[in-house]
Amino acid sequence: MKHAALLMVCLLAFGGAMAQRMPERHLVRKGNRQFSREKYEKSIESYTRAAEAAPTSFEAAFNLANAQFRTERYDGAEKGLARLAADTTLVDADRADAAYNLGNAQFAQQKLKEALASYRLAMRLNPDDQEAKYNYAYTKHLLQQQEQQEQQNQDNQDNKDNENNDNSKDNQDNKDKNFDNQNDSDKQDNGQDKENADRQDGNDEQNGQPQQQDKQEQSGEQQPSASGIPEQEREAMLEAIQAQEDKTQDKLKEKQGIVIRGKKNW
């Protein structure tokens, strides 16, 4: 009994000495318990203290990033994981896990190009990682769709600009034509007025008194708007442009489902 008691005392003393020499181990285990209970804020505190006590601890930094990701602190998770993924002193398996989770943190922030590079690094460090291969392929597919949508939007904008330029040219041509027609009309009116005046003078001479007559011309033809385009035609053009804009907005609102699988805590 004395020997057993002495052994127990020695073990406790050894454990206490190790705890003093490696305090981050106790803090990491504490953070893990909190993380498993979904107490992510508490686990962040424990992992942060562990990382401060042992700046080179992979477990403390890696698990801290995991907890930050769960609380949607993607920027902080990305910074910590980027440092781990680039640390060539770590074994490839640890770097591969860090690169994979880094890609997830970047994907959550819609940094698709950066996420693609991180998944590629994870596959290079661990060629058997099926989840990294899946996420790489899926992210690449989304990038291609995004580039196609951007190209389509650019083409639509170019077509709209060309259409506006053509409309502006047509408007100017209509203005010039209306101006010429108005000049011709003024000339005709002047000639008619002179003819009427001469005829009226002859009548006045015959009747001996001046004649006065109010004249108002009305036409059933559609009158041009201030822009030079008939109002009906202008409204039709606006409706066509608005229909095209609504169609473009509907396409932009289409969203692809986001699916991310992961075995590395996320």
C-alpha atoms as a PDB file:
ATOM      1  CA  MET A   1       0.000   0.000   0.000  1.00  0.00           C
ATOM      2  CA  LYS A   2       2.816   2.333   0.832  1.00  0.00           C
ATOM      3  CA  HIS A   3       4.424   1.662  -2.550  1.00  0.00           C
ATOM      4  CA  ALA A   4       1.095   2.255  -4.368  1.00  0.00           C
ATOM      5  CA  ALA A   5       0.511   5.501  -2.513  1.00  0.00           C
ATOM      6  CA  LEU A   6       4.038   6.621  -3.267  1.00  0.00           C
ATOM      7  CA  LEU A   7       3.526   5.823  -6.968  1.00  0.00           C
ATOM      8  CA  MET A   8       0.314   7.817  -7.040  1.00  0.00           C
ATOM      9  CA  VAL A   9       2.027  10.802  -5.457  1.00  0.00           C
ATOM     10  CA  CYS A  10       4.820  10.570  -8.017  1.00  0.00           C
ATOM     11  CA  LEU A  11       2.344  10.433 -10.906  1.00  0.00           C
ATOM     12  CA  LEU A  12       0.438  13.439  -9.606  1.00  0.00           C
ATOM     13  CA  ALA A  13       3.661  15.334  -9.127  1.00  0.00           C
ATOM     14  CA  PHE A  14       4.800  14.407 -12.630  1.00  0.00           C
ATOM     15  CA  GLY A  15       1.444  15.413 -14.072  1.00  0.00           C
ATOM     16  CA  GLY A  16       1.571  18.720 -12.249  1.00  0.00           C
ATOM     17  CA  ALA A  17       5.098  19.367 -13.512  1.00  0.00           C
ATOM     18  CA  MET A  18       4.062  18.546 -17.091  1.00  0.00           C
ATOM     19  CA  ALA A  19       1.016  20.800 -16.787  1.00  0.00           C
ATOM     20  CA  GLN A  20       3.283  23.642 -15.705  1.00  0.00           C
ATOM     21  CA  ARG A  21       5.700  22.927 -18.560  1.00  0.00           C
ATOM     22  CA  MET A  22       2.940  22.514 -21.200  1.00  0.00           C
ATOM     23  CA  PRO A  23      -0.042  24.616 -20.050  1.00  0.00           C
ATOM     24  CA  GLU A  24      -1.401  24.781 -23.617  1.00  0.00           C
ATOM     25  CA  ARG A  25      -2.250  21.075 -23.527  1.00  0.00           C
ATOM     26  CA  HIS A  26      -4.672  21.604 -20.662  1.00  0.00           C
ATOM     27  CA  LEU A  27      -6.168  24.654 -22.394  1.00  0.00           C
ATOM     28  CA  VAL A  28      -6.539  22.824 -25.705  1.00  0.00           C
ATOM     29  CA  ARG A  29      -8.339  19.910 -24.037  1.00  0.00           C
ATOM     30  CA  LYS A  30     -10.575  22.376 -22.220  1.00  0.00           C
ATOM     31  CA  GLY A  31     -11.335  24.138 -25.519  1.00  0.00           C
ATOM     32  CA  ASN A  32     -12.107  20.789 -27.148  1.00  0.00           C
ATOM     33  CA  ARG A  33     -14.685  19.970 -24.473  1.00  0.00           C
ATOM     34  CA  GLN A  34     -16.297  23.373 -24.934  1.00  0.00           C
ATOM     35  CA  PHE A  35     -16.233  22.997 -28.720  1.00  0.00           C
ATOM     36  CA  SER A  36     -17.946  19.574 -28.564  1.00  0.00           C
ATOM     37  CA  ARG A  37     -20.701  21.164 -26.461  1.00  0.00           C
ATOM     38  CA  GLU A  38     -21.063  23.927 -29.108  1.00  0.00           C
ATOM     39  CA  LYS A  39     -19.829  26.549 -26.659  1.00  0.00           C
ATOM     40  CA  TYR A  40     -17.742  28.112 -29.387  1.00  0.00           C
ATOM     41  CA  GLU A  41     -17.144  31.476 -27.735  1.00  0.00           C
ATOM     42  CA  LYS A  42     -15.746  29.761 -24.642  1.00  0.00           C
ATOM     43  CA  SER A  43     -13.602  27.475 -26.778  1.00  0.00           C
ATOM     44  CA  ILE A  44     -12.169  30.499 -28.596  1.00  0.00           C
ATOM     45  CA  GLU A  45     -11.038  31.895 -25.255  1.00  0.00           C
ATOM     46  CA  SER A  46      -9.355  28.606 -24.307  1.00  0.00           C
ATOM     47  CA  TYR A  47      -7.664  28.126 -27.682  1.00  0.00           C
ATOM     48  CA  THR A  48      -6.489  31.735 -27.694  1.00  0.00           C
ATOM     49  CA  ARG A  49      -4.875  31.321 -24.296  1.00  0.00           C
ATOM     50  CA  ALA A  50      -3.289  28.057 -25.457  1.00  0.00           C
ATOM     51  CA  ALA A  51      -1.892  29.742 -28.581  1.00  0.00           C
ATOM     52  CA  GLU A  52      -0.476  32.566 -26.484  1.00  0.00           C
ATOM     53  CA  ALA A  53       1.195  30.059 -24.152  1.00  0.00           C
ATOM     54  CA  ALA A  54       2.622  28.052 -27.066  1.00  0.00           C
ATOM     55  CA  PRO A  55       2.782  30.090 -30.311  1.00  0.00           C
ATOM     56  CA  THR A  56       4.134  27.081 -32.229  1.00  0.00           C
ATOM     57  CA  SER A  57       1.320  24.734 -31.187  1.00  0.00           C
ATOM     58  CA  PHE A  58      -0.453  23.452 -34.302  1.00  0.00           C
ATOM     59  CA  GLU A  59      -3.418  22.111 -32.308  1.00  0.00           C
ATOM     60  CA  ALA A  60      -4.070  25.435 -30.580  1.00  0.00           C
ATOM     61  CA  ALA A  61      -3.929  27.479 -33.798  1.00  0.00           C
ATOM     62  CA  PHE A  62      -5.831  24.927 -35.891  1.00  0.00           C
ATOM     63  CA  ASN A  63      -8.649  24.463 -33.381  1.00  0.00           C
ATOM     64  CA  LEU A  64      -8.865  28.214 -32.784  1.00  0.00           C
ATOM     65  CA  ALA A  65      -9.516  28.676 -36.496  1.00  0.00           C
ATOM     66  CA  ASN A  66     -12.176  25.936 -36.338  1.00  0.00           C
ATOM     67  CA  ALA A  67     -13.996  27.765 -33.557  1.00  0.00           C
ATOM     68  CA  GLN A  68     -13.723  31.085 -35.394  1.00  0.00           C
ATOM     69  CA  PHE A  69     -15.240  29.489 -38.473  1.00  0.00           C
ATOM     70  CA  ARG A  70     -18.199  28.179 -36.431  1.00  0.00           C
ATOM     71  CA  THR A  71     -18.860  31.712 -35.186  1.00  0.00           C
ATOM     72  CA  GLU A  72     -18.598  33.065 -38.771  1.00  0.00           C
ATOM     73  CA  ARG A  73     -15.372  34.924 -38.058  1.00  0.00           C
ATOM     74  CA  TYR A  74     -14.114  33.842 -41.445  1.00  0.00           C
ATOM     75  CA  ASP A  75     -11.463  36.524 -41.765  1.00  0.00           C
ATOM     76  CA  GLY A  76      -9.736  35.494 -38.526  1.00  0.00           C
ATOM     77  CA  ALA A  77      -9.971  31.804 -39.444  1.00  0.00           C
ATOM     78  CA  GLU A  78      -8.507  32.520 -42.880  1.00  0.00           C
ATOM     79  CA  LYS A  79      -5.488  34.374 -41.470  1.00  0.00           C
ATOM     80  CA  GLY A  80      -4.637  31.646 -38.959  1.00  0.00           C
ATOM     81  CA  LEU A  81      -5.056  28.805 -41.439  1.00  0.00           C
ATOM     82  CA  ALA A  82      -3.067  30.592 -44.156  1.00  0.00           C
ATOM     83  CA  ARG A  83      -0.124  30.762 -41.778  1.00  0.00           C
ATOM     84  CA  LEU A  84      -0.386  27.048 -40.974  1.00  0.00           C
ATOM     85  CA  ALA A  85      -0.797  25.982 -44.602  1.00  0.00           C
ATOM     86  CA  ALA A  86       2.358  27.911 -45.546  1.00  0.00           C
ATOM     87  CA  ASP A  87       4.448  26.549 -42.635  1.00  0.00           C
ATOM     88  CA  THR A  88       6.884  24.109 -44.249  1.00  0.00           C
ATOM     89  CA  THR A  89       8.097  22.916 -40.833  1.00  0.00           C
ATOM     90  CA  LEU A  90       4.787  21.090 -40.347  1.00  0.00           C
ATOM     91  CA  VAL A  91       4.147  17.608 -41.686  1.00  0.00           C
ATOM     92  CA  ASP A  92       2.265  17.409 -44.990  1.00  0.00           C
ATOM     93  CA  ALA A  93      -0.851  15.910 -43.364  1.00  0.00           C
ATOM     94  CA  ASP A  94      -1.254  18.903 -41.020  1.00  0.00           C
ATOM     95  CA  ARG A  95      -0.592  21.386 -43.809  1.00  0.00           C
ATOM     96  CA  ALA A  96      -3.125  19.585 -46.018  1.00  0.00           C
ATOM     97  CA  ASP A  97      -5.825  19.840 -43.331  1.00  0.00           C
ATOM     98  CA  ALA A  98      -5.028  23.520 -42.820  1.00  0.00           C
ATOM     99  CA  ALA A  99      -5.174  24.173 -46.588  1.00  0.00           C
ATOM    100  CA  TYR A 100      -8.511  22.359 -46.878  1.00  0.00           C
ATOM    101  CA  ASN A 101     -10.107  24.343 -44.057  1.00  0.00           C
ATOM    102  CA  LEU A 102      -8.535  27.512 -45.465  1.00  0.00           C
ATOM    103  CA  GLY A 103     -10.362  26.853 -48.715  1.00  0.00           C
ATOM    104  CA  ASN A 104     -13.637  26.488 -46.801  1.00  0.00           C
ATOM    105  CA  ALA A 105     -13.081  29.783 -44.975  1.00  0.00           C
ATOM    106  CA  GLN A 106     -12.370  31.529 -48.278  1.00  0.00           C
ATOM    107  CA  PHE A 107     -15.352  29.876 -49.961  1.00  0.00           C
ATOM    108  CA  ALA A 108     -17.604  31.162 -47.160  1.00  0.00           C
ATOM    109  CA  GLN A 109     -16.442  34.681 -48.055  1.00  0.00           C
ATOM    110  CA  GLN A 110     -17.091  34.086 -51.782  1.00  0.00           C
ATOM    111  CA  LYS A 111     -13.351  34.242 -52.498  1.00  0.00           C
ATOM    112  CA  LEU A 112     -13.666  31.519 -55.079  1.00  0.00           C
ATOM    113  CA  LYS A 113     -10.309  31.965 -56.804  1.00  0.00           C
ATOM    114  CA  GLU A 114      -8.456  31.903 -53.469  1.00  0.00           C
ATOM    115  CA  ALA A 115     -10.475  28.861 -52.319  1.00  0.00           C
ATOM    116  CA  LEU A 116      -9.615  27.032 -55.545  1.00  0.00           C
ATOM    117  CA  ALA A 117      -5.889  27.590 -54.924  1.00  0.00           C
ATOM    118  CA  SER A 118      -6.211  26.329 -51.325  1.00  0.00           C
ATOM    119  CA  TYR A 119      -8.018  23.149 -52.373  1.00  0.00           C
ATOM    120  CA  ARG A 120      -5.332  22.591 -55.007  1.00  0.00           C
ATOM    121  CA  LEU A 121      -2.648  22.844 -52.312  1.00  0.00           C
ATOM    122  CA  ALA A 122      -4.554  20.402 -50.101  1.00  0.00           C
ATOM    123  CA  MET A 123      -4.695  17.889 -52.978  1.00  0.00           C
ATOM    124  CA  ARG A 124      -0.985  18.295 -53.679  1.00  0.00           C
ATOM    125  CA  LEU A 125      -0.103  17.647 -50.034  1.00  0.00           C
ATOM    126  CA  ASN A 126      -2.606  14.810 -49.709  1.00  0.00           C
ATOM    127  CA  PRO A 127      -3.497  13.280 -53.110  1.00  0.00           C
ATOM    128  CA  ASP A 128      -5.952  10.850 -51.474  1.00  0.00           C
ATOM    129  CA  ASP A 129      -8.163  13.616 -50.049  1.00  0.00           C
ATOM    130  CA  GLN A 130     -11.489  13.028 -51.807  1.00  0.00           C
ATOM    131  CA  GLU A 131     -13.232  15.954 -50.084  1.00  0.00           C
ATOM    132  CA  ALA A 132     -10.587  18.366 -51.350  1.00  0.00           C
ATOM    133  CA  LYS A 133     -11.035  16.969 -54.871  1.00  0.00           C
ATOM    134  CA  TYR A 134     -14.797  17.400 -54.665  1.00  0.00           C
ATOM    135  CA  ASN A 135     -14.591  20.973 -53.349  1.00  0.00           C
ATOM    136  CA  TYR A 136     -11.978  21.831 -55.961  1.00  0.00           C
ATOM    137  CA  ALA A 137     -14.194  20.590 -58.807  1.00  0.00           C
ATOM    138  CA  TYR A 138     -17.297  22.276 -57.402  1.00  0.00           C
ATOM    139  CA  THR A 139     -15.549  25.625 -56.867  1.00  0.00           C
ATOM    140  CA  LYS A 140     -14.081  25.501 -60.372  1.00  0.00           C
ATOM    141  CA  HIS A 141     -17.575  24.909 -61.766  1.00  0.00           C
ATOM    142  CA  LEU A 142     -18.933  27.932 -59.897  1.00  0.00           C
ATOM    143  CA  LEU A 143     -16.071  30.092 -61.147  1.00  0.00           C
ATOM    144  CA  GLN A 144     -16.814  29.134 -64.747  1.00  0.00           C
ATOM    145  CA  GLN A 145     -20.484  29.986 -64.265  1.00  0.00           C
ATOM    146  CA  GLN A 146     -19.525  33.317 -62.694  1.00  0.00           C
ATOM    147  CA  GLU A 147     -17.230  34.191 -65.595  1.00  0.00           C
ATOM    148  CA  GLN A 148     -19.938  33.284 -68.115  1.00  0.00           C
ATOM    149  CA  GLN A 149     -22.456  35.459 -66.281  1.00  0.00           C
ATOM    150  CA  GLU A 150     -20.023  38.381 -66.174  1.00  0.00           C
ATOM    151  CA  GLN A 151     -19.369  38.008 -69.915  1.00  0.00           C
ATOM    152  CA  GLN A 152     -23.096  37.917 -70.612  1.00  0.00           C
ATOM    153  CA  ASN A 153     -23.656  41.021 -68.494  1.00  0.00           C
ATOM    154  CA  GLN A 154     -20.860  42.787 -70.382  1.00  0.00           C
ATOM    155  CA  ASP A 155     -22.371  41.804 -73.720  1.00  0.00           C
ATOM    156  CA  ASN A 156     -25.782  43.050 -72.588  1.00  0.00           C
ATOM    157  CA  GLN A 157     -24.252  46.345 -71.484  1.00  0.00           C
ATOM    158  CA  ASP A 158     -22.438  46.733 -74.804  1.00  0.00           C
ATOM    159  CA  ASN A 159     -25.665  46.046 -76.701  1.00  0.00           C
ATOM    160  CA  LYS A 160     -27.502  48.560 -74.531  1.00  0.00           C
ATOM    161  CA  ASP A 161     -24.818  51.197 -75.120  1.00  0.00           C
ATOM    162  CA  ASN A 162     -24.964  50.573 -78.882  1.00  0.00           C
ATOM    163  CA  GLU A 163     -28.743  50.793 -78.800  1.00  0.00           C
ATOM    164  CA  ASN A 164     -28.601  54.070 -76.892  1.00  0.00           C
ATOM    165  CA  ASN A 165     -26.099  55.437 -79.391  1.00  0.00           C
ATOM    166  CA  ASP A 166     -28.349  54.421 -82.294  1.00  0.00           C
ATOM    167  CA  ASN A 167     -31.352  56.021 -80.576  1.00  0.00           C
ATOM    168  CA  SER A 168     -29.395  59.216 -80.017  1.00  0.00           C
ATOM    169  CA  LYS A 169     -28.434  59.292 -83.692  1.00  0.00           C
ATOM    170  CA  ASP A 170     -32.050  58.672 -84.742  1.00  0.00           C
ATOM    171  CA  ASN A 171     -33.229  61.410 -82.399  1.00  0.00           C
ATOM    172  CA  GLN A 172     -30.751  63.861 -83.925  1.00  0.00           C
ATOM    173  CA  ASP A 173     -31.767  62.859 -87.438  1.00  0.00           C
ATOM    174  CA  ASN A 174     -35.434  63.373 -86.525  1.00  0.00           C
ATOM    175  CA  LYS A 175     -34.632  66.768 -85.042  1.00  0.00           C
ATOM    176  CA  ASP A 176     -32.779  67.776 -88.190  1.00  0.00           C
ATOM    177  CA  LYS A 177     -35.645  66.524 -90.365  1.00  0.00           C
ATOM    178  CA  ASN A 178     -38.225  68.347 -88.235  1.00  0.00           C
ATOM    179  CA  PHE A 179     -36.137  71.509 -88.444  1.00  0.00           C
ATOM    180  CA  ASP A 180     -35.985  71.250 -92.243  1.00  0.00           C
ATOM    181  CA  ASN A 181     -39.713  70.521 -92.470  1.00  0.00           C
ATOM    182  CA  GLN A 182     -40.430  73.482 -90.234  1.00  0.00           C
ATOM    183  CA  ASN A 183     -38.348  75.751 -92.476  1.00  0.00           C
ATOM    184  CA  ASP A 184     -40.179  74.479 -95.538  1.00  0.00           C
ATOM    185  CA  SER A 185     -43.492  74.995 -93.764  1.00  0.00           C
ATOM    186  CA  ASP A 186     -42.510  78.516 -92.738  1.00  0.00           C
ATOM    187  CA  LYS A 187     -41.577  79.299 -96.313  1.00  0.00           C
ATOM    188  CA  GLN A 188     -44.902  77.957 -97.554  1.00  0.00           C
ATOM    189  CA  ASP A 189     -46.773  79.883 -94.845  1.00  0.00           C
ATOM    190  CA  ASN A 190     -44.936  83.050 -95.769  1.00  0.00           C
ATOM    191  CA  GLY A 191     -45.799  82.578 -99.433  1.00  0.00           C
ATOM    192  CA  GLN A 192     -49.421  81.806 -98.580  1.00  0.00           C
ATOM    193  CA  ASP A 193     -49.612  84.802 -96.232  1.00  0.00           C
ATOM    194  CA  LYS A 194     -48.282  87.078 -98.950  1.00  0.00           C
ATOM    195  CA  GLU A 195     -50.754  85.669-101.448  1.00  0.00           C
ATOM    196  CA  ASN A 196     -53.607  86.042 -98.944  1.00  0.00           C
ATOM    197  CA  ALA A 197     -52.478  89.540 -98.157  1.00  0.00           C
ATOM    198  CA  ASP A 198     -52.463  90.507-101.795  1.00  0.00           C
ATOM    199  CA  ARG A 199     -55.895  88.963-102.267  1.00  0.00           C
ATOM    200  CA  GLN A 200     -57.188  90.705 -99.115  1.00  0.00           C
ATOM    201  CA  ASP A 201     -55.872  94.011-100.321  1.00  0.00           C
ATOM    202  CA  GLY A 202     -57.800  93.513-103.497  1.00  0.00           C
ATOM    203  CA  ASN A 203     -60.959  92.691-101.527  1.00  0.00           C
ATOM    204  CA  ASP A 204     -60.457  95.659 -99.237  1.00  0.00           C
ATOM    205  CA  GLU A 205     -60.161  97.873-102.193  1.00  0.00           C
ATOM    206  CA  GLN A 206     -63.402  96.471-103.510  1.00  0.00           C
ATOM    207  CA  ASN A 207     -65.374  96.565-100.199  1.00  0.00           C
ATOM    208  CA  GLY A 208     -63.889  99.668 -98.751  1.00  0.00           C
ATOM    209  CA  GLN A 209     -63.341  98.140 -95.270  1.00  0.00           C
ATOM    210  CA  PRO A 210     -60.740  95.820 -93.673  1.00  0.00           C
ATOM    211  CA  GLN A 211     -61.544  92.119 -93.178  1.00  0.00           C
ATOM    212  CA  GLN A 212     -60.345  90.138 -90.074  1.00  0.00           C
ATOM    213  CA  GLN A 213     -60.423  86.347 -89.690  1.00  0.00           C
ATOM    214  CA  ASP A 214     -59.051  84.042 -86.921  1.00  0.00           C
ATOM    215  CA  LYS A 215     -57.509  80.893 -88.328  1.00  0.00           C
ATOM    216  CA  GLN A 216     -56.685  77.664 -86.440  1.00  0.00           C
ATOM    217  CA  GLU A 217     -55.369  74.523 -88.134  1.00  0.00           C
ATOM    218  CA  GLN A 218     -56.034  71.114 -86.601  1.00  0.00           C
ATOM    219  CA  SER A 219     -54.559  67.862 -87.772  1.00  0.00           C
ATOM    220  CA  GLY A 220     -55.450  64.260 -86.966  1.00  0.00           C
ATOM    221  CA  GLU A 221     -51.797  63.156 -87.423  1.00  0.00           C
ATOM    222  CA  GLN A 222     -49.719  62.158 -84.374  1.00  0.00           C
ATOM    223  CA  GLN A 223     -47.639  65.070 -83.113  1.00  0.00           C
ATOM    224  CA  PRO A 224     -43.928  64.524 -82.321  1.00  0.00           C
ATOM    225  CA  SER A 225     -42.743  64.876 -78.687  1.00  0.00           C
ATOM    226  CA  ALA A 226     -40.064  67.325 -77.574  1.00  0.00           C
ATOM    227  CA  SER A 227     -37.430  64.608 -78.258  1.00  0.00           C
ATOM    228  CA  GLY A 228     -38.421  64.388 -81.924  1.00  0.00           C
ATOM    229  CA  ILE A 229     -39.888  60.869 -81.537  1.00  0.00           C
ATOM    230  CA  PRO A 230     -43.669  60.332 -81.554  1.00  0.00           C
ATOM    231  CA  GLU A 231     -44.960  59.758 -78.028  1.00  0.00           C
ATOM    232  CA  GLN A 232     -46.438  56.361 -78.862  1.00  0.00           C
ATOM    233  CA  GLU A 233     -43.181  55.157 -80.418  1.00  0.00           C
ATOM    234  CA  ARG A 234     -41.116  56.517 -77.495  1.00  0.00           C
ATOM    235  CA  GLU A 235     -43.262  54.649 -74.936  1.00  0.00           C
ATOM    236  CA  ALA A 236     -42.877  51.420 -76.915  1.00  0.00           C
ATOM    237  CA  MET A 237     -39.086  51.842 -76.900  1.00  0.00           C
ATOM    238  CA  LEU A 238     -39.058  52.445 -73.141  1.00  0.00           C
ATOM    239  CA  GLU A 239     -41.184  49.351 -72.522  1.00  0.00           C
ATOM    240  CA  ALA A 240     -38.796  47.242 -74.631  1.00  0.00           C
ATOM    241  CA  ILE A 241     -35.773  48.529 -72.716  1.00  0.00           C
ATOM    242  CA  GLN A 242     -37.492  47.894 -69.364  1.00  0.00           C
ATOM    243  CA  ALA A 243     -38.418  44.348 -70.428  1.00  0.00           C
ATOM    244  CA  GLN A 244     -34.791  43.635 -71.298  1.00  0.00           C
ATOM    245  CA  GLU A 245     -33.662  45.062 -67.926  1.00  0.00           C
ATOM    246  CA  ASP A 246     -36.182  42.904 -66.029  1.00  0.00           C
ATOM    247  CA  LYS A 247     -34.953  39.825 -67.903  1.00  0.00           C
ATOM    248  CA  THR A 248     -31.342  40.609 -66.975  1.00  0.00           C
ATOM    249  CA  GLN A 249     -32.253  41.125 -63.303  1.00  0.00           C
ATOM    250  CA  ASP A 250     -34.105  37.790 -63.219  1.00  0.00           C
ATOM    251  CA  LYS A 251     -30.977  36.030 -64.444  1.00  0.00           C
ATOM    252  CA  LEU A 252     -28.843  37.736 -61.812  1.00  0.00           C
ATOM    253  CA  LYS A 253     -31.211  36.598 -59.069  1.00  0.00           C
ATOM    254  CA  GLU A 254     -30.779  32.917 -59.961  1.00  0.00           C
ATOM    255  CA  LYS A 255     -28.593  31.281 -57.317  1.00  0.00           C
ATOM    256  CA  GLN A 256     -26.813  27.978 -57.268  1.00  0.00           C
ATOM    257  CA  GLY A 257     -27.077  25.817 -54.171  1.00  0.00           C
ATOM    258  CA  ILE A 258     -23.892  25.777 -52.103  1.00  0.00           C
ATOM    259  CA  VAL A 259     -22.734  22.369 -50.970  1.00  0.00           C
ATOM    260  CA  ILE A 260     -19.511  21.929 -49.065  1.00  0.00           C
ATOM    261  CA  ARG A 261     -18.497  18.622 -47.553  1.00  0.00           C
ATOM    262  CA  GLY A 262     -15.694  18.179 -45.094  1.00  0.00           C
ATOM    263  CA  LYS A 263     -14.177  15.669 -42.700  1.00  0.00           C
ATOM    264  CA  LYS A 264     -11.831  18.132 -41.051  1.00  0.00           C
ATOM    265  CA  ASN A 265     -14.218  19.518 -38.406  1.00  0.00           C
ATOM    266  CA  TRP A 266     -16.052  21.583 -41.002  1.00  0.00           C
END
